[in-house]
């Protein structure tokens, strides 16, 4: 027995399929947006019953979902703040300067995933080799924690210039936030997308948060 289970969580339906050699069984159940795992578990029960198999017969599970994509497009994700290097709070708004219609003077670009009010700068700086030019202002991070709590922030992203080369400052800031606010999810750009180009790195980290 080498049955494989595939699950795709969509915005409305969750689709499941089991393949065992040349035999295939499918099931479709309603997605449970508030707790997607409940819809998955119900679908697994249905498709296993259709196939006459037990959970122990499944040797591989493949999972995909559009929930994250939908949350970004519909702006229904968690209220997120971005802690970033002083002087670079507008990176999310500036983007990479690409224009899908370069001659349109009235072009409307997508709004940043985090409003400017919640893009919070702190004094710190690394050079492109990861050398510390300015130490992290820990007091500023602590002050931002109090502000984020008052603003009802639900998740925090941290993205510093050249943080992918030297993650020390990002991890230092995360440690402060977790000490003062242990229940809030924190995403670090050095972990989520440790690559050059700050707009792509910061955007990915915010989306992850």
Foldseek 3Di string as FASTA:
>chain_A
DAKAKEWEAEPFKIKIKIDDPPDIFIDIDGADLVDRVVRVVVRVVVRCVVVVHDPVNYDYYHYYYCSLVVCQVVVVDFQEAEEEAPPCLCCQVPDPVDDPDVPDPPDDDDDGSHDSVRHAHWHWDADLQRHTPGATPQVSLVVSLVVCVVVVGQAYEYAYVNCLNPVVRVVVSVVSNCVVPVVHHYFYLNPQPSDDDRNVSRSRRRSVD
